Amino acid sequence: MWLNLLWLVIGLVIGGIIGFFACRKVMAKYLKENPPISEEMIKTLMLQMGRKPNQKQINQIMKQMSKYN
């Protein structure tokens, strides 16, 4: 009885660890292929705020965004 429960708990822990790392890898790949924000989105947002962005400002924002990925 206790041995079966122990195997169940060990299996759940190992499965959780493997699932966590697999999910993390899949999400990292997805975000790399489909970034949440692009240069075009930044330009559009800045234009809506009434600012005319230059390429240097856009590059700075993209660099800041990639630092958090």
PDB file of N, CA and C in Angstrom:
ATOM      1  N   MET A   1       0.815  -1.190   0.000  1.00  0.00           N
ATOM      2  CA  MET A   1       0.000   0.000   0.000  1.00  0.00           C
ATOM      3  C   MET A   1       0.864   1.261   0.000  1.00  0.00           C
ATOM      4  N   TRP A   2       1.770   1.378   0.959  1.00  0.00           N
ATOM      5  CA  TRP A   2       2.629   2.555   1.042  1.00  0.00           C
ATOM      6  C   TRP A   2       3.587   2.628  -0.136  1.00  0.00           C
ATOM      7  N   LEU A   3       4.034   1.482  -0.584  1.00  0.00           N
ATOM      8  CA  LEU A   3       4.969   1.453  -1.705  1.00  0.00           C
ATOM      9  C   LEU A   3       4.291   1.962  -2.980  1.00  0.00           C
ATOM     10  N   ASN A   4       3.042   1.576  -3.189  1.00  0.00           N
ATOM     11  CA  ASN A   4       2.305   2.051  -4.356  1.00  0.00           C
ATOM     12  C   ASN A   4       2.087   3.563  -4.292  1.00  0.00           C
ATOM     13  N   LEU A   5       1.769   4.067  -3.122  1.00  0.00           N
ATOM     14  CA  LEU A   5       1.578   5.497  -2.947  1.00  0.00           C
ATOM     15  C   LEU A   5       2.884   6.251  -3.184  1.00  0.00           C
ATOM     16  N   LEU A   6       3.982   5.693  -2.718  1.00  0.00           N
ATOM     17  CA  LEU A   6       5.299   6.304  -2.915  1.00  0.00           C
ATOM     18  C   LEU A   6       5.629   6.374  -4.408  1.00  0.00           C
ATOM     19  N   TRP A   7       5.373   5.282  -5.137  1.00  0.00           N
ATOM     20  CA  TRP A   7       5.644   5.268  -6.577  1.00  0.00           C
ATOM     21  C   TRP A   7       4.769   6.290  -7.298  1.00  0.00           C
ATOM     22  N   LEU A   8       3.550   6.438  -6.852  1.00  0.00           N
ATOM     23  CA  LEU A   8       2.648   7.419  -7.447  1.00  0.00           C
ATOM     24  C   LEU A   8       3.184   8.839  -7.248  1.00  0.00           C
ATOM     25  N   VAL A   9       3.605   9.138  -6.041  1.00  0.00           N
ATOM     26  CA  VAL A   9       4.123  10.474  -5.746  1.00  0.00           C
ATOM     27  C   VAL A   9       5.408  10.728  -6.539  1.00  0.00           C
ATOM     28  N   ILE A  10       6.295   9.753  -6.580  1.00  0.00           N
ATOM     29  CA  ILE A  10       7.543   9.905  -7.340  1.00  0.00           C
ATOM     30  C   ILE A  10       7.233  10.120  -8.819  1.00  0.00           C
ATOM     31  N   GLY A  11       6.295   9.362  -9.361  1.00  0.00           N
ATOM     32  CA  GLY A  11       5.911   9.518 -10.770  1.00  0.00           C
ATOM     33  C   GLY A  11       5.329  10.883 -11.062  1.00  0.00           C
ATOM     34  N   LEU A  12       4.499  11.387 -10.163  1.00  0.00           N
ATOM     35  CA  LEU A  12       3.917  12.718 -10.352  1.00  0.00           C
ATOM     36  C   LEU A  12       4.982  13.814 -10.304  1.00  0.00           C
ATOM     37  N   VAL A  13       5.927  13.680  -9.389  1.00  0.00           N
ATOM     38  CA  VAL A  13       6.993  14.686  -9.282  1.00  0.00           C
ATOM     39  C   VAL A  13       7.857  14.670 -10.540  1.00  0.00           C
ATOM     40  N   ILE A  14       8.258  13.484 -10.969  1.00  0.00           N
ATOM     41  CA  ILE A  14       9.096  13.381 -12.175  1.00  0.00           C
ATOM     42  C   ILE A  14       8.324  13.879 -13.399  1.00  0.00           C
ATOM     43  N   GLY A  15       7.062  13.513 -13.524  1.00  0.00           N
ATOM     44  CA  GLY A  15       6.240  13.983 -14.634  1.00  0.00           C
ATOM     45  C   GLY A  15       6.066  15.493 -14.626  1.00  0.00           C
ATOM     46  N   GLY A  16       5.902  16.057 -13.448  1.00  0.00           N
ATOM     47  CA  GLY A  16       5.774  17.513 -13.333  1.00  0.00           C
ATOM     48  C   GLY A  16       7.041  18.227 -13.761  1.00  0.00           C
ATOM     49  N   ILE A  17       8.184  17.684 -13.358  1.00  0.00           N
ATOM     50  CA  ILE A  17       9.466  18.296 -13.731  1.00  0.00           C
ATOM     51  C   ILE A  17       9.675  18.214 -15.240  1.00  0.00           C
ATOM     52  N   ILE A  18       9.435  17.043 -15.813  1.00  0.00           N
ATOM     53  CA  ILE A  18       9.610  16.876 -17.262  1.00  0.00           C
ATOM     54  C   ILE A  18       8.619  17.773 -18.013  1.00  0.00           C
ATOM     55  N   GLY A  19       7.395  17.824 -17.554  1.00  0.00           N
ATOM     56  CA  GLY A  19       6.381  18.671 -18.191  1.00  0.00           C
ATOM     57  C   GLY A  19       6.738  20.144 -18.132  1.00  0.00           C
ATOM     58  N   PHE A  20       7.281  20.583 -17.006  1.00  0.00           N
ATOM     59  CA  PHE A  20       7.683  21.979 -16.858  1.00  0.00           C
ATOM     60  C   PHE A  20       8.739  22.361 -17.878  1.00  0.00           C
ATOM     61  N   PHE A  21       9.801  21.547 -17.981  1.00  0.00           N
ATOM     62  CA  PHE A  21      10.878  21.873 -18.904  1.00  0.00           C
ATOM     63  C   PHE A  21      10.445  21.742 -20.358  1.00  0.00           C
ATOM     64  N   ALA A  22       9.586  20.786 -20.665  1.00  0.00           N
ATOM     65  CA  ALA A  22       9.084  20.648 -22.033  1.00  0.00           C
ATOM     66  C   ALA A  22       8.231  21.862 -22.407  1.00  0.00           C
ATOM     67  N   CYS A  23       7.364  22.284 -21.512  1.00  0.00           N
ATOM     68  CA  CYS A  23       6.512  23.446 -21.761  1.00  0.00           C
ATOM     69  C   CYS A  23       7.357  24.709 -21.909  1.00  0.00           C
ATOM     70  N   ARG A  24       8.369  24.836 -21.083  1.00  0.00           N
ATOM     71  CA  ARG A  24       9.247  26.000 -21.146  1.00  0.00           C
ATOM     72  C   ARG A  24       9.963  26.081 -22.488  1.00  0.00           C
ATOM     73  N   LYS A  25      10.434  24.933 -22.974  1.00  0.00           N
ATOM     74  CA  LYS A  25      11.143  24.895 -24.256  1.00  0.00           C
ATOM     75  C   LYS A  25      10.198  25.231 -25.408  1.00  0.00           C
ATOM     76  N   VAL A  26       8.990  24.685 -25.385  1.00  0.00           N
ATOM     77  CA  VAL A  26       8.010  24.948 -26.439  1.00  0.00           C
ATOM     78  C   VAL A  26       7.632  26.428 -26.448  1.00  0.00           C
ATOM     79  N   MET A  27       7.404  27.010 -25.290  1.00  0.00           N
ATOM     80  CA  MET A  27       7.024  28.421 -25.220  1.00  0.00           C
ATOM     81  C   MET A  27       8.161  29.334 -25.666  1.00  0.00           C
ATOM     82  N   ALA A  28       9.407  28.999 -25.306  1.00  0.00           N
ATOM     83  CA  ALA A  28      10.546  29.807 -25.745  1.00  0.00           C
ATOM     84  C   ALA A  28      10.659  29.777 -27.265  1.00  0.00           C
ATOM     85  N   LYS A  29      10.456  28.610 -27.857  1.00  0.00           N
ATOM     86  CA  LYS A  29      10.510  28.485 -29.312  1.00  0.00           C
ATOM     87  C   LYS A  29       9.385  29.286 -29.953  1.00  0.00           C
ATOM     88  N   TYR A  30       8.186  29.204 -29.405  1.00  0.00           N
ATOM     89  CA  TYR A  30       7.040  29.932 -29.940  1.00  0.00           C
ATOM     90  C   TYR A  30       7.275  31.442 -29.886  1.00  0.00           C
ATOM     91  N   LEU A  31       7.764  31.935 -28.754  1.00  0.00           N
ATOM     92  CA  LEU A  31       7.984  33.375 -28.619  1.00  0.00           C
ATOM     93  C   LEU A  31       9.118  33.860 -29.514  1.00  0.00           C
ATOM     94  N   LYS A  32      10.087  33.002 -29.773  1.00  0.00           N
ATOM     95  CA  LYS A  32      11.177  33.381 -30.666  1.00  0.00           C
ATOM     96  C   LYS A  32      10.675  33.486 -32.103  1.00  0.00           C
ATOM     97  N   GLU A  33       9.804  32.567 -32.508  1.00  0.00           N
ATOM     98  CA  GLU A  33       9.260  32.582 -33.862  1.00  0.00           C
ATOM     99  C   GLU A  33       8.176  33.650 -34.027  1.00  0.00           C
ATOM    100  N   ASN A  34       7.419  33.923 -32.983  1.00  0.00           N
ATOM    101  CA  ASN A  34       6.320  34.889 -33.027  1.00  0.00           C
ATOM    102  C   ASN A  34       6.478  35.898 -31.901  1.00  0.00           C
ATOM    103  N   PRO A  35       7.343  36.885 -32.104  1.00  0.00           N
ATOM    104  CA  PRO A  35       7.553  37.852 -31.022  1.00  0.00           C
ATOM    105  C   PRO A  35       6.268  38.599 -30.700  1.00  0.00           C
ATOM    106  N   PRO A  36       6.067  38.917 -29.422  1.00  0.00           N
ATOM    107  CA  PRO A  36       4.824  39.562 -29.023  1.00  0.00           C
ATOM    108  C   PRO A  36       4.679  40.990 -29.554  1.00  0.00           C
ATOM    109  N   ILE A  37       5.774  41.642 -29.904  1.00  0.00           N
ATOM    110  CA  ILE A  37       5.699  43.004 -30.427  1.00  0.00           C
ATOM    111  C   ILE A  37       6.775  43.157 -31.508  1.00  0.00           C
ATOM    112  N   SER A  38       6.430  43.858 -32.568  1.00  0.00           N
ATOM    113  CA  SER A  38       7.366  44.036 -33.678  1.00  0.00           C
ATOM    114  C   SER A  38       7.678  45.521 -33.851  1.00  0.00           C
ATOM    115  N   GLU A  39       8.620  45.802 -34.732  1.00  0.00           N
ATOM    116  CA  GLU A  39       8.990  47.192 -34.991  1.00  0.00           C
ATOM    117  C   GLU A  39       7.805  47.972 -35.556  1.00  0.00           C
ATOM    118  N   GLU A  40       7.022  47.317 -36.394  1.00  0.00           N
ATOM    119  CA  GLU A  40       5.861  47.991 -36.985  1.00  0.00           C
ATOM    120  C   GLU A  40       4.847  48.367 -35.911  1.00  0.00           C
ATOM    121  N   MET A  41       4.668  47.498 -34.922  1.00  0.00           N
ATOM    122  CA  MET A  41       3.741  47.797 -33.825  1.00  0.00           C
ATOM    123  C   MET A  41       4.238  48.992 -33.008  1.00  0.00           C
ATOM    124  N   ILE A  42       5.545  49.048 -32.784  1.00  0.00           N
ATOM    125  CA  ILE A  42       6.120  50.161 -32.022  1.00  0.00           C
ATOM    126  C   ILE A  42       5.915  51.469 -32.779  1.00  0.00           C
ATOM    127  N   LYS A  43       6.163  51.448 -34.093  1.00  0.00           N
ATOM    128  CA  LYS A  43       5.949  52.653 -34.906  1.00  0.00           C
ATOM    129  C   LYS A  43       4.497  53.116 -34.812  1.00  0.00           C
ATOM    130  N   THR A  44       3.584  52.173 -34.950  1.00  0.00           N
ATOM    131  CA  THR A  44       2.159  52.514 -34.905  1.00  0.00           C
ATOM    132  C   THR A  44       1.775  53.106 -33.556  1.00  0.00           C
ATOM    133  N   LEU A  45       2.251  52.494 -32.478  1.00  0.00           N
ATOM    134  CA  LEU A  45       1.927  53.003 -31.143  1.00  0.00           C
ATOM    135  C   LEU A  45       2.476  54.407 -30.929  1.00  0.00           C
ATOM    136  N   MET A  46       3.713  54.642 -31.368  1.00  0.00           N
ATOM    137  CA  MET A  46       4.303  55.968 -31.178  1.00  0.00           C
ATOM    138  C   MET A  46       3.588  57.013 -32.034  1.00  0.00           C
ATOM    139  N   LEU A  47       3.193  56.635 -33.252  1.00  0.00           N
ATOM    140  CA  LEU A  47       2.456  57.572 -34.085  1.00  0.00           C
ATOM    141  C   LEU A  47       1.100  57.899 -33.476  1.00  0.00           C
ATOM    142  N   GLN A  48       0.451  56.919 -32.853  1.00  0.00           N
ATOM    143  CA  GLN A  48      -0.832  57.170 -32.202  1.00  0.00           C
ATOM    144  C   GLN A  48      -0.683  58.094 -30.999  1.00  0.00           C
ATOM    145  N   MET A  49       0.501  58.048 -30.373  1.00  0.00           N
ATOM    146  CA  MET A  49       0.744  58.933 -29.230  1.00  0.00           C
ATOM    147  C   MET A  49       1.179  60.321 -29.684  1.00  0.00           C
ATOM    148  N   GLY A  50       1.313  60.511 -30.996  1.00  0.00           N
ATOM    149  CA  GLY A  50       1.675  61.825 -31.503  1.00  0.00           C
ATOM    150  C   GLY A  50       3.162  62.046 -31.637  1.00  0.00           C
ATOM    151  N   ARG A  51       3.943  60.999 -31.643  1.00  0.00           N
ATOM    152  CA  ARG A  51       5.395  61.123 -31.795  1.00  0.00           C
ATOM    153  C   ARG A  51       5.815  60.501 -33.113  1.00  0.00           C
ATOM    154  N   LYS A  52       6.779  61.104 -33.763  1.00  0.00           N
ATOM    155  CA  LYS A  52       7.330  60.556 -34.995  1.00  0.00           C
ATOM    156  C   LYS A  52       8.616  59.824 -34.615  1.00  0.00           C
ATOM    157  N   PRO A  53       8.583  58.489 -34.564  1.00  0.00           N
ATOM    158  CA  PRO A  53       9.766  57.749 -34.118  1.00  0.00           C
ATOM    159  C   PRO A  53      10.826  57.659 -35.211  1.00  0.00           C
ATOM    160  N   ASN A  54      12.091  57.731 -34.789  1.00  0.00           N
ATOM    161  CA  ASN A  54      13.159  57.449 -35.746  1.00  0.00           C
ATOM    162  C   ASN A  54      13.673  56.034 -35.475  1.00  0.00           C
ATOM    163  N   GLN A  55      14.519  55.540 -36.346  1.00  0.00           N
ATOM    164  CA  GLN A  55      14.959  54.149 -36.262  1.00  0.00           C
ATOM    165  C   GLN A  55      15.759  53.892 -34.981  1.00  0.00           C
ATOM    166  N   LYS A  56      16.494  54.889 -34.512  1.00  0.00           N
ATOM    167  CA  LYS A  56      17.286  54.720 -33.291  1.00  0.00           C
ATOM    168  C   LYS A  56      16.369  54.458 -32.088  1.00  0.00           C
ATOM    169  N   GLN A  57      15.279  55.195 -31.984  1.00  0.00           N
ATOM    170  CA  GLN A  57      14.336  55.002 -30.883  1.00  0.00           C
ATOM    171  C   GLN A  57      13.694  53.617 -30.962  1.00  0.00           C
ATOM    172  N   ILE A  58      13.340  53.206 -32.161  1.00  0.00           N
ATOM    173  CA  ILE A  58      12.721  51.893 -32.338  1.00  0.00           C
ATOM    174  C   ILE A  58      13.696  50.791 -31.944  1.00  0.00           C
ATOM    175  N   ASN A  59      14.962  50.940 -32.360  1.00  0.00           N
ATOM    176  CA  ASN A  59      15.977  49.938 -32.005  1.00  0.00           C
ATOM    177  C   ASN A  59      16.182  49.872 -30.493  1.00  0.00           C
ATOM    178  N   GLN A  60      16.154  51.015 -29.824  1.00  0.00           N
ATOM    179  CA  GLN A  60      16.315  51.033 -28.371  1.00  0.00           C
ATOM    180  C   GLN A  60      15.168  50.297 -27.690  1.00  0.00           C
ATOM    181  N   ILE A  61      13.964  50.527 -28.158  1.00  0.00           N
ATOM    182  CA  ILE A  61      12.797  49.863 -27.568  1.00  0.00           C
ATOM    183  C   ILE A  61      12.859  48.365 -27.818  1.00  0.00           C
ATOM    184  N   MET A  62      13.230  47.958 -29.038  1.00  0.00           N
ATOM    185  CA  MET A  62      13.333  46.528 -29.352  1.00  0.00           C
ATOM    186  C   MET A  62      14.406  45.862 -28.491  1.00  0.00           C
ATOM    187  N   LYS A  63      15.509  46.565 -28.263  1.00  0.00           N
ATOM    188  CA  LYS A  63      16.579  46.018 -27.420  1.00  0.00           C
ATOM    189  C   LYS A  63      16.093  45.840 -25.987  1.00  0.00           C
ATOM    190  N   GLN A  64      15.338  46.810 -25.484  1.00  0.00           N
ATOM    191  CA  GLN A  64      14.787  46.697 -24.131  1.00  0.00           C
ATOM    192  C   GLN A  64      13.798  45.543 -24.037  1.00  0.00           C
ATOM    193  N   MET A  65      12.990  45.365 -25.074  1.00  0.00           N
ATOM    194  CA  MET A  65      12.008  44.281 -25.067  1.00  0.00           C
ATOM    195  C   MET A  65      12.687  42.916 -25.115  1.00  0.00           C
ATOM    196  N   SER A  66      13.756  42.791 -25.906  1.00  0.00           N
ATOM    197  CA  SER A  66      14.433  41.497 -26.026  1.00  0.00           C
ATOM    198  C   SER A  66      15.217  41.169 -24.765  1.00  0.00           C
ATOM    199  N   LYS A  67      15.540  42.178 -23.981  1.00  0.00           N
ATOM    200  CA  LYS A  67      16.262  41.921 -22.725  1.00  0.00           C
ATOM    201  C   LYS A  67      15.419  41.146 -21.741  1.00  0.00           C
ATOM    202  N   TYR A  68      14.093  41.281 -21.822  1.00  0.00           N
ATOM    203  CA  TYR A  68      13.203  40.629 -20.890  1.00  0.00           C
ATOM    204  C   TYR A  68      12.710  39.275 -21.386  1.00  0.00           C
ATOM    205  N   ASN A  69      13.120  38.836 -22.571  1.00  0.00           N
ATOM    206  CA  ASN A  69      12.708  37.517 -23.077  1.00  0.00           C
ATOM    207  C   ASN A  69      13.657  36.448 -22.653  1.00  0.00           C
TER     208      ASN A  69
END
